[in-house]
Amino acid sequence: MAGRRSQARRYAVLALYQWQVSGLAPAEIVRHFFDDPAWMEVIAEGLGLAKGEKQPVADALYDLALFQELLRGVPEQVEDLDSRLATVLDRPLRQVTPVDLAILRLGVYELAHSPRIPFRAILNEAVELAKEFGSTDDSHRYVNGILDRLARTLRPAEFSALSTPASPPPGGGDS
């Protein structure tokens, strides 16, 4: 089973997709997620949570705070996220499928606003989401390429640390 933070991202992509295609306010989508006991039961069963377990379903299944942050932050920052994406996309933003766009927006949001999460972890999570939900068999490659290019500009220190050769041990290595 995926970790709680991965599950939060998974649900956030579903909610962001719904926001993009329906035009509903993010708060309304969150209410739908929490007010629909049938939906929560299906999710709980799908993830193997036993019925009647004392821990709230949301807390047991995924990182609720991360889900809420992503569903709040992406719509609030959508203009900035889209302008960043436009600099590296190979097509106009309107031609990116809604599901791929939801994954890309989530990835760019985390790259820009979650400096404590290594960029490679963000890219890996986005690639996994694209493998599961992407519009084509190659969506994961597309998402990886776009987010990798943006990570180079949004996280230059992490990239320079990767390309800097390791220092020789103190005292040299020729003993």
Protein backbone atom coordinates (compact mmCIF):
# COMPACT_ATOMS: atom_id res chain seq x y z
CA MET A 1 0.00 0.00 0.00
CA ALA A 2 1.25 3.49 -0.83
CA GLY A 3 2.26 5.82 1.99
CA ARG A 4 -0.10 8.38 3.45
CA ARG A 5 1.57 11.29 1.63
CA SER A 6 1.43 9.45 -1.70
CA GLN A 7 -2.24 8.74 -1.12
CA ALA A 8 -2.84 12.42 -0.33
CA ARG A 9 -1.28 13.36 -3.66
CA ARG A 10 -3.35 10.73 -5.43
CA TYR A 11 -6.59 12.12 -4.00
CA ALA A 12 -5.42 15.67 -4.65
CA VAL A 13 -4.95 14.86 -8.35
CA LEU A 14 -8.47 13.46 -8.48
CA ALA A 15 -9.84 16.55 -6.73
CA LEU A 16 -7.82 18.93 -8.93
CA TYR A 17 -9.07 17.14 -12.01
CA GLN A 18 -12.63 17.58 -10.74
CA TRP A 19 -11.94 21.27 -10.05
CA GLN A 20 -10.57 21.79 -13.57
CA VAL A 21 -13.40 20.08 -15.43
CA SER A 22 -16.35 21.04 -13.22
CA GLY A 23 -15.47 24.57 -12.20
CA LEU A 24 -16.56 23.81 -8.63
CA ALA A 25 -14.80 25.72 -5.89
CA PRO A 26 -12.06 23.70 -4.16
CA ALA A 27 -13.92 24.00 -0.84
CA GLU A 28 -16.97 22.39 -2.44
CA ILE A 29 -14.86 19.54 -3.76
CA VAL A 30 -13.34 18.99 -0.30
CA ARG A 31 -16.84 18.87 1.19
CA HIS A 32 -17.78 16.26 -1.40
CA PHE A 33 -14.78 14.15 -0.43
CA PHE A 34 -15.71 14.23 3.26
CA ASP A 35 -19.50 14.30 3.06
CA ASP A 36 -19.90 11.28 0.84
CA PRO A 37 -19.80 8.26 3.15
CA ALA A 38 -20.18 5.87 0.23
CA TRP A 39 -17.10 7.33 -1.44
CA MET A 40 -15.11 7.14 1.80
CA GLU A 41 -16.24 3.53 2.32
CA VAL A 42 -15.14 2.54 -1.19
CA ILE A 43 -11.79 4.21 -0.62
CA ALA A 44 -11.41 2.53 2.77
CA GLU A 45 -12.25 -0.90 1.36
CA GLY A 46 -9.95 -0.39 -1.59
CA LEU A 47 -7.09 0.35 0.75
CA GLY A 48 -7.85 -2.47 3.16
CA LEU A 49 -9.01 -0.44 6.17
CA ALA A 50 -11.23 -2.57 8.36
CA LYS A 51 -14.82 -1.42 8.87
CA GLY A 52 -15.45 0.08 12.26
CA GLU A 53 -11.82 0.98 12.85
CA LYS A 54 -11.57 3.74 15.43
CA GLN A 55 -9.12 5.96 13.55
CA PRO A 56 -10.88 8.43 11.21
CA VAL A 57 -10.77 7.15 7.65
CA ALA A 58 -9.06 10.26 6.27
CA ASP A 59 -6.31 10.18 8.89
CA ALA A 60 -5.77 6.47 8.47
CA LEU A 61 -5.61 6.51 4.68
CA TYR A 62 -3.79 9.66 3.75
CA ASP A 63 -2.12 12.82 5.00
CA LEU A 64 -5.15 15.06 5.36
CA ALA A 65 -3.08 18.22 5.87
CA LEU A 66 -1.14 17.63 2.64
CA PHE A 67 -4.35 16.91 0.70
CA GLN A 68 -5.90 20.14 1.95
CA GLU A 69 -2.72 22.15 1.27
CA LEU A 70 -2.54 20.90 -2.31
CA LEU A 71 -6.22 21.45 -2.98
CA ARG A 72 -5.97 24.96 -1.56
CA GLY A 73 -2.55 25.92 -2.90
CA VAL A 74 -2.78 24.77 -6.51
CA PRO A 75 -5.96 26.75 -7.30
CA GLU A 76 -4.63 29.80 -5.42
CA GLN A 77 -1.36 29.69 -7.37
CA VAL A 78 -2.73 28.43 -10.70
CA GLU A 79 -1.73 31.52 -12.71
CA ASP A 80 1.86 31.33 -11.48
CA LEU A 81 1.99 27.55 -11.97
CA ASP A 82 0.61 27.82 -15.49
CA SER A 83 3.04 30.57 -16.43
CA ARG A 84 5.93 28.40 -15.23
CA LEU A 85 4.58 25.42 -17.17
CA ALA A 86 4.16 27.49 -20.33
CA THR A 87 7.92 28.13 -20.40
CA VAL A 88 8.71 24.42 -20.85
CA LEU A 89 5.66 22.89 -22.54
CA ASP A 90 5.86 21.79 -26.16
CA ARG A 91 2.27 22.87 -26.80
CA PRO A 92 -0.19 25.47 -25.60
CA LEU A 93 -1.45 24.82 -22.06
CA ARG A 94 -5.03 24.39 -23.33
CA GLN A 95 -3.88 21.36 -25.35
CA VAL A 96 -2.62 19.46 -22.30
CA THR A 97 -5.23 16.95 -21.16
CA PRO A 98 -6.95 17.84 -17.87
CA VAL A 99 -5.57 14.83 -16.00
CA ASP A 100 -2.00 15.46 -17.15
CA LEU A 101 -2.42 19.14 -16.32
CA ALA A 102 -3.62 18.30 -12.80
CA ILE A 103 -0.50 16.15 -12.26
CA LEU A 104 1.81 18.82 -13.70
CA ARG A 105 0.26 21.59 -11.61
CA LEU A 106 0.59 19.52 -8.46
CA GLY A 107 4.24 18.77 -9.27
CA VAL A 108 5.11 22.40 -10.03
CA TYR A 109 3.34 23.52 -6.86
CA GLU A 110 5.42 21.16 -4.75
CA LEU A 111 8.65 22.10 -6.53
CA ALA A 112 7.97 25.77 -5.88
CA HIS A 113 6.43 25.58 -2.39
CA SER A 114 7.83 22.47 -0.69
CA PRO A 115 11.59 23.00 -0.47
CA ARG A 116 11.99 20.34 2.22
CA ILE A 117 10.89 17.64 -0.23
CA PRO A 118 13.74 16.66 -2.57
CA PHE A 119 12.94 17.38 -6.20
CA ARG A 120 13.56 13.74 -7.13
CA ALA A 121 10.84 12.62 -4.71
CA ILE A 122 8.41 15.13 -6.23
CA LEU A 123 9.23 13.93 -9.75
CA ASN A 124 8.90 10.26 -8.72
CA GLU A 125 5.49 10.91 -7.17
CA ALA A 126 4.28 12.77 -10.26
CA VAL A 127 5.55 10.01 -12.56
CA GLU A 128 3.70 7.38 -10.51
CA LEU A 129 0.51 9.46 -10.69
CA ALA A 130 0.92 9.78 -14.46
CA LYS A 131 1.41 6.02 -14.77
CA GLU A 132 -1.85 5.47 -12.89
CA PHE A 133 -4.01 8.30 -14.24
CA GLY A 134 -2.21 9.71 -17.28
CA SER A 135 -4.06 10.22 -20.54
CA THR A 136 -1.67 8.04 -22.58
CA ASP A 137 0.82 5.25 -22.03
CA ASP A 138 3.58 7.86 -22.35
CA SER A 139 2.12 10.44 -19.95
CA HIS A 140 4.64 9.52 -17.28
CA ARG A 141 7.53 10.30 -19.64
CA TYR A 142 5.96 13.62 -20.62
CA VAL A 143 5.32 14.59 -16.99
CA ASN A 144 8.86 13.59 -16.03
CA GLY A 145 10.42 15.64 -18.82
CA ILE A 146 8.39 18.77 -18.09
CA LEU A 147 8.92 18.66 -14.33
CA ASP A 148 12.62 17.84 -14.71
CA ARG A 149 13.10 20.99 -16.83
CA LEU A 150 11.25 23.10 -14.28
CA ALA A 151 13.13 21.55 -11.37
CA ARG A 152 16.38 22.76 -12.92
CA THR A 153 15.19 26.37 -12.65
CA LEU A 154 13.21 26.06 -9.43
CA ARG A 155 15.81 23.97 -7.56
CA PRO A 156 19.19 24.99 -9.01
CA ALA A 157 21.07 24.27 -5.76
CA GLU A 158 19.88 20.66 -5.77
CA PHE A 159 21.02 20.21 -9.37
CA SER A 160 24.41 21.80 -8.77
CA ALA A 161 24.91 19.52 -5.76
CA LEU A 162 24.28 16.54 -8.04
CA SER A 163 26.83 17.65 -10.61
CA THR A 164 29.57 18.62 -8.13
CA PRO A 165 32.09 15.78 -7.80
CA ALA A 166 32.63 14.43 -4.34
CA SER A 167 35.59 15.92 -2.50
CA PRO A 168 38.56 13.64 -1.86
CA PRO A 169 38.82 12.43 1.72
CA PRO A 170 40.94 14.53 4.09
CA GLY A 171 44.60 13.66 3.84
CA GLY A 172 44.29 12.64 0.20
CA GLY A 173 43.53 9.27 -1.17
CA ASP A 174 47.04 8.20 -2.26
CA SER A 175 48.28 6.56 0.95
